[in-house]
């Protein structure tokens, strides 16, 4: 038991010591990976105000790419006075 605890303790120090050298890319920004899978499909989304690609909300981005969004649920109750995505 002591050996397992020691191993986990040392492993946690090792993980924290490594610098984070790569830029984080959100899933929404990796459209080339999933856009072909969404073509000719009905899509439902679970999003919030941070679901953006660049400066455009994911819902608007997918609509402009020709993806058929049949439903979406926006999780944040306060849009901060901003226009709802998908409504132009």
C-alpha atoms as a PDB file:
ATOM      1  CA  UNK A   1       0.000   0.000   0.000  1.00  0.00           C
ATOM      2  CA  UNK A   2       2.865   2.362   0.832  1.00  0.00           C
ATOM      3  CA  UNK A   3       4.463   1.621  -2.524  1.00  0.00           C
ATOM      4  CA  UNK A   4       1.285   2.483  -4.414  1.00  0.00           C
ATOM      5  CA  UNK A   5       0.884   5.733  -2.498  1.00  0.00           C
ATOM      6  CA  UNK A   6       4.523   6.677  -3.116  1.00  0.00           C
ATOM      7  CA  UNK A   7       4.190   5.871  -6.813  1.00  0.00           C
ATOM      8  CA  UNK A   8       1.051   8.027  -7.144  1.00  0.00           C
ATOM      9  CA  UNK A   9       2.669  10.868  -5.241  1.00  0.00           C
ATOM     10  CA  UNK A  10       5.769  10.832  -7.447  1.00  0.00           C
ATOM     11  CA  UNK A  11       3.693  10.487 -10.601  1.00  0.00           C
ATOM     12  CA  UNK A  12       1.605  13.531  -9.665  1.00  0.00           C
ATOM     13  CA  UNK A  13       4.747  15.624  -9.160  1.00  0.00           C
ATOM     14  CA  UNK A  14       6.096  14.458 -12.496  1.00  0.00           C
ATOM     15  CA  UNK A  15       2.890  15.349 -14.342  1.00  0.00           C
ATOM     16  CA  UNK A  16       2.815  18.813 -12.808  1.00  0.00           C
ATOM     17  CA  UNK A  17       6.439  19.497 -13.745  1.00  0.00           C
ATOM     18  CA  UNK A  18       5.939  19.154 -17.488  1.00  0.00           C
ATOM     19  CA  UNK A  19       5.262  22.422 -19.320  1.00  0.00           C
ATOM     20  CA  UNK A  20       2.188  22.652 -21.518  1.00  0.00           C
ATOM     21  CA  UNK A  21       3.696  23.403 -24.886  1.00  0.00           C
ATOM     22  CA  UNK A  22       0.813  22.891 -27.325  1.00  0.00           C
ATOM     23  CA  UNK A  23      -2.003  25.293 -28.093  1.00  0.00           C
ATOM     24  CA  UNK A  24      -5.433  24.025 -27.043  1.00  0.00           C
ATOM     25  CA  UNK A  25      -7.811  23.603 -29.985  1.00  0.00           C
ATOM     26  CA  UNK A  26     -11.453  23.060 -29.110  1.00  0.00           C
ATOM     27  CA  UNK A  27     -13.517  20.374 -30.779  1.00  0.00           C
ATOM     28  CA  UNK A  28     -15.733  23.040 -32.321  1.00  0.00           C
ATOM     29  CA  UNK A  29     -12.709  24.483 -34.122  1.00  0.00           C
ATOM     30  CA  UNK A  30     -11.751  21.119 -35.668  1.00  0.00           C
ATOM     31  CA  UNK A  31     -14.506  21.140 -38.259  1.00  0.00           C
ATOM     32  CA  UNK A  32     -12.442  19.328 -40.880  1.00  0.00           C
ATOM     33  CA  UNK A  33     -12.470  16.256 -38.611  1.00  0.00           C
ATOM     34  CA  UNK A  34     -16.230  16.029 -38.039  1.00  0.00           C
ATOM     35  CA  UNK A  35     -17.967  18.066 -40.741  1.00  0.00           C
ATOM     36  CA  UNK A  36     -17.971  15.187 -43.270  1.00  0.00           C
ATOM     37  CA  UNK A  37     -19.662  12.993 -40.644  1.00  0.00           C
ATOM     38  CA  UNK A  38     -22.499  15.514 -40.240  1.00  0.00           C
ATOM     39  CA  UNK A  39     -23.295  15.971 -43.928  1.00  0.00           C
ATOM     40  CA  UNK A  40     -26.807  14.732 -44.858  1.00  0.00           C
ATOM     41  CA  UNK A  41     -27.661  14.047 -41.200  1.00  0.00           C
ATOM     42  CA  UNK A  42     -30.094  15.663 -38.777  1.00  0.00           C
ATOM     43  CA  UNK A  43     -28.095  17.161 -35.908  1.00  0.00           C
ATOM     44  CA  UNK A  44     -28.988  18.128 -32.336  1.00  0.00           C
ATOM     45  CA  UNK A  45     -26.580  20.213 -30.257  1.00  0.00           C
ATOM     46  CA  UNK A  46     -26.036  20.872 -26.563  1.00  0.00           C
ATOM     47  CA  UNK A  47     -24.216  24.230 -26.402  1.00  0.00           C
ATOM     48  CA  UNK A  48     -23.476  27.248 -24.245  1.00  0.00           C
ATOM     49  CA  UNK A  49     -22.101  30.718 -24.943  1.00  0.00           C
ATOM     50  CA  UNK A  50     -18.535  29.378 -25.211  1.00  0.00           C
ATOM     51  CA  UNK A  51     -19.404  27.042 -28.120  1.00  0.00           C
ATOM     52  CA  UNK A  52     -17.694  29.217 -30.687  1.00  0.00           C
ATOM     53  CA  UNK A  53     -15.560  28.807 -33.788  1.00  0.00           C
ATOM     54  CA  UNK A  54     -13.458  31.946 -34.011  1.00  0.00           C
ATOM     55  CA  UNK A  55     -15.955  34.740 -33.313  1.00  0.00           C
ATOM     56  CA  UNK A  56     -19.041  32.845 -34.536  1.00  0.00           C
ATOM     57  CA  UNK A  57     -21.264  30.575 -32.459  1.00  0.00           C
ATOM     58  CA  UNK A  58     -21.128  26.883 -33.382  1.00  0.00           C
ATOM     59  CA  UNK A  59     -24.829  26.834 -34.316  1.00  0.00           C
ATOM     60  CA  UNK A  60     -24.351  29.646 -36.843  1.00  0.00           C
ATOM     61  CA  UNK A  61     -21.151  28.081 -38.161  1.00  0.00           C
ATOM     62  CA  UNK A  62     -22.823  24.728 -38.808  1.00  0.00           C
ATOM     63  CA  UNK A  63     -25.889  26.355 -40.377  1.00  0.00           C
ATOM     64  CA  UNK A  64     -23.670  28.314 -42.777  1.00  0.00           C
ATOM     65  CA  UNK A  65     -21.883  25.046 -43.665  1.00  0.00           C
ATOM     66  CA  UNK A  66     -25.227  23.533 -44.707  1.00  0.00           C
ATOM     67  CA  UNK A  67     -25.680  21.235 -41.704  1.00  0.00           C
ATOM     68  CA  UNK A  68     -29.323  20.561 -40.784  1.00  0.00           C
ATOM     69  CA  UNK A  69     -29.761  21.396 -37.098  1.00  0.00           C
ATOM     70  CA  UNK A  70     -33.116  20.096 -35.935  1.00  0.00           C
ATOM     71  CA  UNK A  71     -32.744  20.949 -32.230  1.00  0.00           C
ATOM     72  CA  UNK A  72     -30.316  22.692 -29.952  1.00  0.00           C
ATOM     73  CA  UNK A  73     -30.290  23.252 -26.228  1.00  0.00           C
ATOM     74  CA  UNK A  74     -28.473  26.303 -24.902  1.00  0.00           C
ATOM     75  CA  UNK A  75     -27.356  25.745 -21.313  1.00  0.00           C
ATOM     76  CA  UNK A  76     -26.814  29.288 -20.102  1.00  0.00           C
ATOM     77  CA  UNK A  77     -29.952  31.082 -18.962  1.00  0.00           C
ATOM     78  CA  UNK A  78     -28.456  34.562 -19.454  1.00  0.00           C
ATOM     79  CA  UNK A  79     -27.289  35.429 -22.951  1.00  0.00           C
ATOM     80  CA  UNK A  80     -25.938  38.779 -21.730  1.00  0.00           C
ATOM     81  CA  UNK A  81     -28.111  40.653 -24.205  1.00  0.00           C
ATOM     82  CA  UNK A  82     -26.465  38.919 -27.135  1.00  0.00           C
ATOM     83  CA  UNK A  83     -28.424  37.645 -30.118  1.00  0.00           C
ATOM     84  CA  UNK A  84     -29.343  33.978 -29.876  1.00  0.00           C
ATOM     85  CA  UNK A  85     -27.382  31.752 -32.263  1.00  0.00           C
ATOM     86  CA  UNK A  86     -29.294  30.561 -35.304  1.00  0.00           C
ATOM     87  CA  UNK A  87     -31.543  33.644 -35.323  1.00  0.00           C
ATOM     88  CA  UNK A  88     -30.585  36.225 -37.899  1.00  0.00           C
END
